[in-house]
Amino acid sequence: MTISLTIQQAAKACGLTVHTLRYYERIGLIDPVPRQANRHRLYHAEDMRWLEFLLKLRTTGLPIAQMLRYAELRRLGNHIESVSERKAMLARHTRTLEATLINMQQTVTILHGKLAMYTEMERQLNATMATREEYSDDHIDEHPTPTHPPTRR
């Protein structure tokens, strides 16, 4: 069974706007989408898989210029130069993402440490305040403030 989606259905399925899909087609990020007799675009399963891949690249921060180069190489077909360059592009991007993930994990570890430190500080401050309130309440009852008779002049 062949999947055929209108531009509105395709946009909804991949989380883009109709305008963005038209833009991607206009700049060459996606191939021209086949059209019905009424000129309405019909997106097929292959188009949707390509869009899904592009969105993964976009989500990971690959610049549009590099995505365009990748799309251009893809259109050239599966010959050694195209395949090797696409592979190299993805390898570079993967290394960049791995370095970013390591950095982010280190940052998360530091943040967890800070959160633990603040949790302990709050615990200590709450304990200190409770002790002070307890001490204050105990001393008020035990030692009333002396009253002095009014002084006469």
C-alpha atoms as a PDB file:
ATOM      1  CA  MET A   1       0.000   0.000   0.000  1.00  0.00           C
ATOM      2  CA  THR A   2       1.371   3.412  -0.983  1.00  0.00           C
ATOM      3  CA  ILE A   3       1.055   6.292   1.432  1.00  0.00           C
ATOM      4  CA  SER A   4      -0.020   9.548  -0.161  1.00  0.00           C
ATOM      5  CA  LEU A   5      -0.389  12.648   1.979  1.00  0.00           C
ATOM      6  CA  THR A   6      -1.474  16.137   1.084  1.00  0.00           C
ATOM      7  CA  ILE A   7       0.827  18.959   2.093  1.00  0.00           C
ATOM      8  CA  GLN A   8      -1.392  19.688   5.126  1.00  0.00           C
ATOM      9  CA  GLN A   9      -1.265  16.043   6.215  1.00  0.00           C
ATOM     10  CA  ALA A  10       2.496  15.852   5.638  1.00  0.00           C
ATOM     11  CA  ALA A  11       3.066  19.062   7.592  1.00  0.00           C
ATOM     12  CA  LYS A  12       1.014  17.764  10.508  1.00  0.00           C
ATOM     13  CA  ALA A  13       2.749  14.363  10.414  1.00  0.00           C
ATOM     14  CA  CYS A  14       6.253  15.825  10.626  1.00  0.00           C
ATOM     15  CA  GLY A  15       5.474  18.866  12.793  1.00  0.00           C
ATOM     16  CA  LEU A  16       6.350  21.499  10.203  1.00  0.00           C
ATOM     17  CA  THR A  17       4.215  24.176   8.655  1.00  0.00           C
ATOM     18  CA  VAL A  18       2.949  24.047   5.079  1.00  0.00           C
ATOM     19  CA  HIS A  19       5.046  27.166   4.463  1.00  0.00           C
ATOM     20  CA  THR A  20       8.201  25.381   5.688  1.00  0.00           C
ATOM     21  CA  LEU A  21       7.558  22.377   3.454  1.00  0.00           C
ATOM     22  CA  ARG A  22       7.143  24.663   0.438  1.00  0.00           C
ATOM     23  CA  TYR A  23      10.321  26.529   1.451  1.00  0.00           C
ATOM     24  CA  TYR A  24      12.314  23.287   1.763  1.00  0.00           C
ATOM     25  CA  GLU A  25      11.153  22.295  -1.709  1.00  0.00           C
ATOM     26  CA  ARG A  26      11.919  25.745  -3.164  1.00  0.00           C
ATOM     27  CA  ILE A  27      15.520  25.796  -1.843  1.00  0.00           C
ATOM     28  CA  GLY A  28      16.169  22.195  -2.864  1.00  0.00           C
ATOM     29  CA  LEU A  29      16.290  20.607   0.557  1.00  0.00           C
ATOM     30  CA  ILE A  30      13.580  18.213  -0.563  1.00  0.00           C
ATOM     31  CA  ASP A  31      13.042  17.044  -4.118  1.00  0.00           C
ATOM     32  CA  PRO A  32      10.086  18.426  -6.048  1.00  0.00           C
ATOM     33  CA  VAL A  33       7.052  16.639  -4.681  1.00  0.00           C
ATOM     34  CA  PRO A  34       4.856  14.851  -7.239  1.00  0.00           C
ATOM     35  CA  ARG A  35       1.547  16.561  -7.853  1.00  0.00           C
ATOM     36  CA  GLN A  36      -1.945  15.403  -8.630  1.00  0.00           C
ATOM     37  CA  ALA A  37      -3.807  16.555 -11.722  1.00  0.00           C
ATOM     38  CA  ASN A  38      -5.179  19.448  -9.649  1.00  0.00           C
ATOM     39  CA  ARG A  39      -1.546  20.499  -8.895  1.00  0.00           C
ATOM     40  CA  HIS A  40      -1.789  19.559  -5.204  1.00  0.00           C
ATOM     41  CA  ARG A  41       1.367  17.999  -3.810  1.00  0.00           C
ATOM     42  CA  LEU A  42       1.263  14.349  -2.756  1.00  0.00           C
ATOM     43  CA  TYR A  43       3.912  13.214  -0.299  1.00  0.00           C
ATOM     44  CA  HIS A  44       4.801   9.533  -0.356  1.00  0.00           C
ATOM     45  CA  ALA A  45       6.498   7.307   2.230  1.00  0.00           C
ATOM     46  CA  GLU A  46       9.968   8.021   0.785  1.00  0.00           C
ATOM     47  CA  ASP A  47       9.348  11.776   1.003  1.00  0.00           C
ATOM     48  CA  MET A  48       8.275  11.396   4.624  1.00  0.00           C
ATOM     49  CA  ARG A  49      11.355   9.291   5.517  1.00  0.00           C
ATOM     50  CA  TRP A  50      13.600  11.974   3.969  1.00  0.00           C
ATOM     51  CA  LEU A  51      11.782  14.721   5.882  1.00  0.00           C
ATOM     52  CA  GLU A  52      12.145  12.724   9.106  1.00  0.00           C
ATOM     53  CA  PHE A  53      15.901  12.439   8.505  1.00  0.00           C
ATOM     54  CA  LEU A  54      16.199  16.160   7.724  1.00  0.00           C
ATOM     55  CA  LEU A  55      14.368  16.994  10.948  1.00  0.00           C
ATOM     56  CA  LYS A  56      16.814  14.823  12.900  1.00  0.00           C
ATOM     57  CA  LEU A  57      19.696  16.725  11.322  1.00  0.00           C
ATOM     58  CA  ARG A  58      18.005  20.044  12.055  1.00  0.00           C
ATOM     59  CA  THR A  59      17.279  19.041  15.660  1.00  0.00           C
ATOM     60  CA  THR A  60      20.940  18.224  16.182  1.00  0.00           C
ATOM     61  CA  GLY A  61      22.015  21.628  14.901  1.00  0.00           C
ATOM     62  CA  LEU A  62      23.327  20.799  11.432  1.00  0.00           C
ATOM     63  CA  PRO A  63      23.286  24.071   9.487  1.00  0.00           C
ATOM     64  CA  ILE A  64      20.921  24.347   6.516  1.00  0.00           C
ATOM     65  CA  ALA A  65      23.897  24.886   4.183  1.00  0.00           C
ATOM     66  CA  GLN A  66      25.278  21.474   5.140  1.00  0.00           C
ATOM     67  CA  MET A  67      21.843  19.904   4.876  1.00  0.00           C
ATOM     68  CA  LEU A  68      21.569  21.366   1.373  1.00  0.00           C
ATOM     69  CA  ARG A  69      24.961  19.921   0.446  1.00  0.00           C
ATOM     70  CA  TYR A  70      23.895  16.524   1.754  1.00  0.00           C
ATOM     71  CA  ALA A  71      20.648  16.717  -0.274  1.00  0.00           C
ATOM     72  CA  GLU A  72      22.627  17.694  -3.373  1.00  0.00           C
ATOM     73  CA  LEU A  73      24.961  14.724  -2.924  1.00  0.00           C
ATOM     74  CA  ARG A  74      21.992  12.433  -2.392  1.00  0.00           C
ATOM     75  CA  ARG A  75      20.468  13.582  -5.666  1.00  0.00           C
ATOM     76  CA  LEU A  76      23.733  12.778  -7.450  1.00  0.00           C
ATOM     77  CA  GLY A  77      23.173   9.121  -6.653  1.00  0.00           C
ATOM     78  CA  ASN A  78      25.086   6.347  -4.997  1.00  0.00           C
ATOM     79  CA  HIS A  79      28.485   6.630  -6.622  1.00  0.00           C
ATOM     80  CA  ILE A  80      31.708   6.505  -4.609  1.00  0.00           C
ATOM     81  CA  GLU A  81      32.306  10.270  -4.375  1.00  0.00           C
ATOM     82  CA  SER A  82      28.760  11.038  -3.260  1.00  0.00           C
ATOM     83  CA  VAL A  83      28.596   8.182  -0.776  1.00  0.00           C
ATOM     84  CA  SER A  84      32.042   8.952   0.661  1.00  0.00           C
ATOM     85  CA  GLU A  85      31.268  12.646   1.114  1.00  0.00           C
ATOM     86  CA  ARG A  86      27.888  11.972   2.727  1.00  0.00           C
ATOM     87  CA  LYS A  87      29.524   9.460   5.052  1.00  0.00           C
ATOM     88  CA  ALA A  88      32.257  11.968   5.962  1.00  0.00           C
ATOM     89  CA  MET A  89      29.678  14.692   6.643  1.00  0.00           C
ATOM     90  CA  LEU A  90      27.708  12.434   8.953  1.00  0.00           C
ATOM     91  CA  ALA A  91      30.882  11.209  10.688  1.00  0.00           C
ATOM     92  CA  ARG A  92      31.956  14.819  11.423  1.00  0.00           C
ATOM     93  CA  HIS A  93      28.502  15.709  12.667  1.00  0.00           C
ATOM     94  CA  THR A  94      28.381  12.571  14.829  1.00  0.00           C
ATOM     95  CA  ARG A  95      31.731  13.446  16.453  1.00  0.00           C
ATOM     96  CA  THR A  96      30.462  16.977  17.133  1.00  0.00           C
ATOM     97  CA  LEU A  97      27.281  15.599  18.713  1.00  0.00           C
ATOM     98  CA  GLU A  98      29.227  13.121  20.836  1.00  0.00           C
ATOM     99  CA  ALA A  99      31.467  15.902  22.150  1.00  0.00           C
ATOM    100  CA  THR A 100      28.389  18.012  22.892  1.00  0.00           C
ATOM    101  CA  LEU A 101      26.756  15.121  24.743  1.00  0.00           C
ATOM    102  CA  ILE A 102      29.867  14.564  26.868  1.00  0.00           C
ATOM    103  CA  ASN A 103      29.978  18.272  27.709  1.00  0.00           C
ATOM    104  CA  MET A 104      26.279  18.298  28.552  1.00  0.00           C
ATOM    105  CA  GLN A 105      26.627  15.193  30.755  1.00  0.00           C
ATOM    106  CA  GLN A 106      29.492  16.845  32.638  1.00  0.00           C
ATOM    107  CA  THR A 107      27.334  19.936  33.096  1.00  0.00           C
ATOM    108  CA  VAL A 108      24.418  17.832  34.359  1.00  0.00           C
ATOM    109  CA  THR A 109      26.753  16.182  36.881  1.00  0.00           C
ATOM    110  CA  ILE A 110      27.881  19.607  38.124  1.00  0.00           C
ATOM    111  CA  LEU A 111      24.274  20.789  38.383  1.00  0.00           C
ATOM    112  CA  HIS A 112      23.328  17.695  40.394  1.00  0.00           C
ATOM    113  CA  GLY A 113      26.188  18.503  42.758  1.00  0.00           C
ATOM    114  CA  LYS A 114      24.969  22.084  43.153  1.00  0.00           C
ATOM    115  CA  LEU A 115      21.409  20.894  43.773  1.00  0.00           C
ATOM    116  CA  ALA A 116      22.631  18.496  46.468  1.00  0.00           C
ATOM    117  CA  MET A 117      24.664  21.310  48.051  1.00  0.00           C
ATOM    118  CA  TYR A 118      21.611  23.621  48.142  1.00  0.00           C
ATOM    119  CA  THR A 119      19.417  20.845  49.523  1.00  0.00           C
ATOM    120  CA  GLU A 120      21.910  20.345  52.372  1.00  0.00           C
ATOM    121  CA  MET A 121      22.157  24.110  52.966  1.00  0.00           C
ATOM    122  CA  GLU A 122      18.353  24.359  53.166  1.00  0.00           C
ATOM    123  CA  ARG A 123      18.273  21.432  55.602  1.00  0.00           C
ATOM    124  CA  GLN A 124      20.882  23.079  57.828  1.00  0.00           C
ATOM    125  CA  LEU A 125      19.201  26.486  57.681  1.00  0.00           C
ATOM    126  CA  ASN A 126      15.792  24.996  58.502  1.00  0.00           C
ATOM    127  CA  ALA A 127      17.298  23.092  61.436  1.00  0.00           C
ATOM    128  CA  THR A 128      19.009  26.256  62.711  1.00  0.00           C
ATOM    129  CA  MET A 129      15.792  28.274  62.425  1.00  0.00           C
ATOM    130  CA  ALA A 130      13.812  25.555  64.220  1.00  0.00           C
ATOM    131  CA  THR A 131      16.383  25.510  67.029  1.00  0.00           C
ATOM    132  CA  ARG A 132      16.255  29.303  67.347  1.00  0.00           C
ATOM    133  CA  GLU A 133      12.461  29.328  67.454  1.00  0.00           C
ATOM    134  CA  GLU A 134      12.462  26.564  70.041  1.00  0.00           C
ATOM    135  CA  TYR A 135      15.044  28.405  72.160  1.00  0.00           C
ATOM    136  CA  SER A 136      13.174  31.671  71.823  1.00  0.00           C
ATOM    137  CA  ASP A 137       9.849  30.099  72.815  1.00  0.00           C
ATOM    138  CA  ASP A 138      11.398  28.342  75.816  1.00  0.00           C
ATOM    139  CA  HIS A 139      13.062  31.493  77.146  1.00  0.00           C
ATOM    140  CA  ILE A 140      10.019  33.680  76.831  1.00  0.00           C
ATOM    141  CA  ASP A 141       8.040  31.398  79.124  1.00  0.00           C
ATOM    142  CA  GLU A 142      10.861  30.893  81.653  1.00  0.00           C
ATOM    143  CA  HIS A 143      12.134  34.456  81.981  1.00  0.00           C
ATOM    144  CA  PRO A 144       9.462  37.074  81.694  1.00  0.00           C
ATOM    145  CA  THR A 145      10.656  40.562  80.965  1.00  0.00           C
ATOM    146  CA  PRO A 146      10.791  42.551  84.240  1.00  0.00           C
ATOM    147  CA  THR A 147       8.505  45.505  84.429  1.00  0.00           C
ATOM    148  CA  HIS A 148       9.644  48.675  86.144  1.00  0.00           C
ATOM    149  CA  PRO A 149       7.269  50.997  87.899  1.00  0.00           C
ATOM    150  CA  PRO A 150       6.873  54.281  86.108  1.00  0.00           C
ATOM    151  CA  THR A 151       9.397  56.833  87.173  1.00  0.00           C
ATOM    152  CA  ARG A 152       8.052  59.952  88.814  1.00  0.00           C
ATOM    153  CA  ARG A 153       9.493  63.277  88.187  1.00  0.00           C
END
